[in-house]
Amino acid sequence: MKKLVIENIIKNVFIALALFWTYFPMKEFLMNAPACKDLTVVGNLLVAVSIIAVTACFGHFAFSYENTNMKRDSSRLIAYLVTVFLMTTIGMALEMTIILVRILVGEYYMWNMVLLFLYTALVLYDFWDLQRAKI
């Protein structure tokens, strides 16, 4: 189990670095995009981003390490890839949400804190689910 936890830590650090790496270019693009000068377009983008986030959350919470043969390297790799893609998608959607809300209503630290709590819960759930895996 210790090996799996270490692998999961590495996976989550990789995701955090990827999210850090994508935030600033995404922010630069959205803050300067001509379409984002129209608040109606920004609201529509926020709806689209929310749909992406909800879809990825559904996939993430439907997936379980418990149903994965974690003793097989190939099964474990596929499980990690699934969670990397879903968690990165959720993280990027939350980043876009922060930026789009900033465009719509300005900086609101409580909103950012709520989304940070949401992502933290997602990571904790990932580790909790790993603990349920049959090894």
Foldseek 3Di string as FASTA:
>chain_A
DVVLVVVLVVLVVVLVVVLVVPLPVLLVCLVPPPQNVDLVSLVVVLVVLVVQLVVLVVQLVVDFLQPFPCVDPVRVVVSSVSNSVSLSSNSNSLSSNQSSVCSVPNHDVVSVVVSVVVSVVSSVVVVVRVVNHDD
